[in-house]
Amino acid sequence: MKVVVVTAAIALSAAPAFAQTAGQAKPASQPPAGQARPAQPPTTPAPAPVQTQLPPVQPPAPFPAGAKIAFFNPAVVFQTSKEGQAALTRVKALTDKKQNENNDKQKKLQGDQQKLQTGGSMLNDAARAQLEKDIEKQQVDIQRFQQDAQAEIQELQQSVQNDFLKKLQPIVDRLAQEKGLQLLFNSAEAGLAWAAPGLDLTAEMIKAVDGPAAPGAAPKP
């Protein structure tokens, strides 16, 4: 019997969106001689998107005898299984690290901007020009850091997602074959209006993913 498996990628929403203020890296216009340039407000990274609340995994109902169609929710499997939670922990650790580094850079920029605003008129021309140059360089560096951090987090997200799907696919194939299915839907994307609870294989998928790992299948550190 031919088994047709319908799966989809797992969406992650753990990456922060680092705010980038328009004109952040542009040099500010020079103030009149002897007047301090107003400090530009420092930018701060936007908070990480709130993770979408997933429906709780219900206790599995008996699988209907002779059923040829079933469904499961890959996102629930990912976020509920031990391996998926470990992957999310890795992403969160990197996200927190980049957020903290960004905050430190923003604090340094804010301090220098405040110094220019409150004491710029007391600096000689050379010192004031150097401080303005330092501020402009920090603004450019922060913008580049935010872009690089965002890309690094997204790369890790894609990596853990791909690794998880590689492990999940053979489990999907095996369960579909064991139950004699012809179709196995991703309930998050299939547009199901209603289905018998016993057709939901999400809990079985989680149990299978959390089962003994195959040799050489240990998750990456």
Protein backbone atom coordinates (compact mmCIF):
# COMPACT_ATOMS: atom_id res chain seq x y z
CA MET A 1 0.00 0.00 0.00
CA LYS A 2 1.38 3.38 -0.96
CA VAL A 3 1.76 5.82 1.89
CA VAL A 4 1.49 9.52 1.14
CA VAL A 5 2.87 11.64 3.96
CA VAL A 6 2.00 15.33 4.17
CA THR A 7 4.37 17.31 6.43
CA ALA A 8 5.54 20.87 6.65
CA ALA A 9 8.38 22.88 8.11
CA ILE A 10 8.28 23.84 11.77
CA ALA A 11 8.02 27.56 12.36
CA LEU A 12 10.20 29.00 15.11
CA SER A 13 9.51 32.38 16.67
CA ALA A 14 12.30 32.73 19.18
CA ALA A 15 14.50 35.21 17.31
CA PRO A 16 14.42 38.85 18.37
CA ALA A 17 13.97 41.62 15.85
CA PHE A 18 16.72 44.12 16.58
CA ALA A 19 15.27 47.58 16.06
CA GLN A 20 17.14 49.71 13.60
CA THR A 21 16.25 53.38 13.70
CA ALA A 22 16.17 55.18 10.39
CA GLY A 23 19.29 57.26 9.96
CA GLN A 24 20.95 55.56 12.92
CA ALA A 25 24.32 55.27 11.18
CA LYS A 26 24.25 58.66 9.48
CA PRO A 27 26.64 61.31 10.79
CA ALA A 28 24.81 64.09 12.56
CA SER A 29 25.03 67.65 11.30
CA GLN A 30 27.69 69.76 12.93
CA PRO A 31 26.45 72.26 15.57
CA PRO A 32 27.46 75.90 15.61
CA ALA A 33 30.87 76.58 17.12
CA GLY A 34 30.85 76.30 20.89
CA GLN A 35 27.47 74.57 21.02
CA ALA A 36 27.10 70.89 21.88
CA ARG A 37 25.27 68.74 19.41
CA PRO A 38 22.02 67.32 20.84
CA ALA A 39 22.37 63.68 21.73
CA GLN A 40 20.48 61.24 19.57
CA PRO A 41 18.35 58.82 21.56
CA PRO A 42 19.94 55.37 21.67
CA THR A 43 18.11 52.59 19.95
CA THR A 44 17.24 49.44 21.81
CA PRO A 45 16.41 46.03 20.37
CA ALA A 46 12.76 45.22 20.12
CA PRO A 47 11.63 42.46 22.48
CA ALA A 48 11.54 38.94 21.11
CA PRO A 49 8.21 38.01 19.58
CA VAL A 50 5.98 36.24 22.03
CA GLN A 51 5.89 32.54 21.29
CA THR A 52 2.55 31.48 19.89
CA GLN A 53 0.61 29.52 22.50
CA LEU A 54 0.14 26.00 21.22
CA PRO A 55 -2.86 23.88 22.12
CA PRO A 56 -2.13 21.35 24.87
CA VAL A 57 -1.54 17.78 23.80
CA GLN A 58 -4.65 15.80 24.61
CA PRO A 59 -4.45 12.21 25.87
CA PRO A 60 -4.59 9.99 22.79
CA ALA A 61 -7.99 8.55 21.96
CA PRO A 62 -8.20 5.06 20.46
CA PHE A 63 -7.22 5.09 16.81
CA PRO A 64 -10.30 4.23 14.71
CA ALA A 65 -10.02 0.74 13.28
CA GLY A 66 -9.49 0.76 9.53
CA ALA A 67 -8.85 4.51 9.30
CA LYS A 68 -6.67 5.48 6.36
CA ILE A 69 -6.25 9.17 7.20
CA ALA A 70 -4.70 10.79 10.28
CA PHE A 71 -3.07 14.06 11.32
CA PHE A 72 -0.56 15.56 13.74
CA ASN A 73 0.83 18.97 14.66
CA PRO A 74 4.61 19.21 13.96
CA ALA A 75 4.98 22.45 15.96
CA VAL A 76 3.48 20.81 19.06
CA VAL A 77 5.78 17.83 18.61
CA PHE A 78 8.79 20.13 18.34
CA GLN A 79 7.96 22.37 21.29
CA THR A 80 6.77 19.56 23.57
CA SER A 81 9.37 16.87 22.90
CA LYS A 82 12.57 16.82 24.94
CA GLU A 83 14.76 17.23 21.86
CA GLY A 84 12.70 20.14 20.59
CA GLN A 85 12.86 21.87 23.97
CA ALA A 86 16.64 21.40 24.03
CA ALA A 87 16.86 23.02 20.60
CA LEU A 88 14.75 25.97 21.75
CA THR A 89 17.02 26.36 24.77
CA ARG A 90 20.02 26.67 22.44
CA VAL A 91 18.28 29.34 20.40
CA LYS A 92 17.22 31.24 23.52
CA ALA A 93 20.76 31.13 24.95
CA LEU A 94 22.19 32.68 21.79
CA THR A 95 19.36 35.22 21.64
CA ASP A 96 19.95 36.30 25.26
CA LYS A 97 23.70 36.58 24.63
CA LYS A 98 23.22 38.84 21.64
CA GLN A 99 20.62 40.93 23.45
CA ASN A 100 22.98 41.50 26.37
CA GLU A 101 25.85 42.46 24.06
CA ASN A 102 23.58 44.86 22.20
CA ASN A 103 22.41 46.43 25.48
CA ASP A 104 26.02 47.00 26.56
CA LYS A 105 26.80 48.74 23.29
CA GLN A 106 23.69 50.90 23.60
CA LYS A 107 24.61 51.94 27.14
CA LYS A 108 28.09 53.00 26.00
CA LEU A 109 26.59 55.01 23.14
CA GLN A 110 24.06 56.64 25.46
CA GLY A 111 26.79 57.61 27.89
CA ASP A 112 28.90 59.24 25.19
CA GLN A 113 25.89 61.05 23.77
CA GLN A 114 25.02 62.39 27.22
CA LYS A 115 28.63 63.48 27.69
CA LEU A 116 28.52 65.40 24.41
CA GLN A 117 25.18 67.00 25.23
CA THR A 118 26.02 68.16 28.74
CA GLY A 119 29.73 68.88 28.45
CA GLY A 120 30.41 69.38 24.78
CA SER A 121 30.65 73.15 25.12
CA MET A 122 33.47 72.75 27.63
CA LEU A 123 35.57 70.56 25.32
CA ASN A 124 38.10 72.05 22.95
CA ASP A 125 37.44 71.68 19.26
CA ALA A 126 39.69 68.64 18.83
CA ALA A 127 38.20 66.76 21.80
CA ARG A 128 34.64 67.53 20.76
CA ALA A 129 35.31 66.46 17.18
CA GLN A 130 36.85 63.17 18.39
CA LEU A 131 33.87 62.45 20.66
CA GLU A 132 31.45 63.11 17.80
CA LYS A 133 33.48 60.79 15.57
CA ASP A 134 33.40 58.08 18.24
CA ILE A 135 29.62 58.39 18.57
CA GLU A 136 29.10 58.09 14.83
CA LYS A 137 31.37 55.02 14.70
CA GLN A 138 29.44 53.41 17.56
CA GLN A 139 26.16 54.01 15.73
CA VAL A 140 27.48 52.26 12.61
CA ASP A 141 28.99 49.42 14.66
CA ILE A 142 25.70 48.86 16.53
CA GLN A 143 23.74 48.72 13.30
CA ARG A 144 26.12 46.13 11.86
CA PHE A 145 26.09 44.14 15.09
CA GLN A 146 22.30 44.01 15.08
CA GLN A 147 22.22 42.79 11.50
CA ASP A 148 24.87 40.14 12.13
CA ALA A 149 23.20 38.99 15.36
CA GLN A 150 19.83 38.65 13.65
CA ALA A 151 21.38 36.58 10.85
CA GLU A 152 23.25 34.34 13.32
CA ILE A 153 20.12 33.64 15.35
CA GLN A 154 18.09 32.88 12.24
CA GLU A 155 20.83 30.54 11.00
CA LEU A 156 20.75 28.61 14.27
CA GLN A 157 16.96 28.44 14.14
CA GLN A 158 17.08 27.00 10.63
CA SER A 159 19.76 24.51 11.66
CA VAL A 160 17.87 23.11 14.67
CA GLN A 161 14.66 23.02 12.65
CA ASN A 162 16.29 21.05 9.84
CA ASP A 163 17.95 18.65 12.29
CA PHE A 164 14.63 18.00 14.00
CA LEU A 165 12.76 17.42 10.75
CA LYS A 166 15.42 14.93 9.67
CA LYS A 167 14.76 12.94 12.83
CA LEU A 168 10.99 13.34 12.59
CA GLN A 169 10.55 12.21 8.98
CA PRO A 170 11.42 8.51 9.50
CA ILE A 171 9.15 8.45 12.56
CA VAL A 172 6.33 9.87 10.46
CA ASP A 173 6.94 7.26 7.77
CA ARG A 174 7.04 4.41 10.28
CA LEU A 175 3.85 5.36 12.12
CA ALA A 176 2.01 5.91 8.85
CA GLN A 177 3.03 2.48 7.59
CA GLU A 178 2.26 0.75 10.89
CA LYS A 179 -1.28 2.14 10.85
CA GLY A 180 -1.81 1.51 7.15
CA LEU A 181 -2.41 5.17 6.34
CA GLN A 182 -2.82 6.64 2.91
CA LEU A 183 -2.70 10.27 4.04
CA LEU A 184 -1.11 11.93 7.09
CA PHE A 185 -1.88 15.63 7.40
CA ASN A 186 -0.14 18.51 9.15
CA SER A 187 -3.09 19.78 11.21
CA ALA A 188 -1.58 23.28 11.48
CA GLU A 189 -1.76 23.75 7.71
CA ALA A 190 -4.39 21.30 6.50
CA GLY A 191 -7.34 23.58 7.30
CA LEU A 192 -9.16 20.86 9.20
CA ALA A 193 -12.58 21.98 10.43
CA TRP A 194 -13.19 18.80 12.41
CA ALA A 195 -11.66 15.36 12.80
CA ALA A 196 -12.19 12.44 15.13
CA PRO A 197 -9.84 12.81 18.15
CA GLY A 198 -8.52 9.30 17.63
CA LEU A 199 -6.99 10.38 14.31
CA ASP A 200 -4.60 12.78 16.08
CA LEU A 201 -1.15 11.15 16.23
CA THR A 202 0.60 14.12 17.87
CA ALA A 203 1.03 12.39 21.24
CA GLU A 204 2.38 9.25 19.57
CA MET A 205 4.84 11.36 17.59
CA ILE A 206 6.12 13.03 20.76
CA LYS A 207 6.53 9.66 22.47
CA ALA A 208 8.42 8.29 19.48
CA VAL A 209 10.72 11.33 19.25
CA ASP A 210 11.52 11.09 22.98
CA GLY A 211 12.22 7.36 22.65
CA PRO A 212 15.71 5.83 22.73
CA ALA A 213 17.97 7.63 20.27
CA ALA A 214 19.46 5.67 17.45
CA PRO A 215 23.28 5.23 17.45
CA GLY A 216 24.92 8.41 16.23
CA ALA A 217 21.70 10.38 16.52
CA ALA A 218 22.62 12.35 19.63
CA PRO A 219 21.60 16.02 19.45
CA LYS A 220 24.28 18.57 18.73
CA PRO A 221 25.83 20.31 21.75
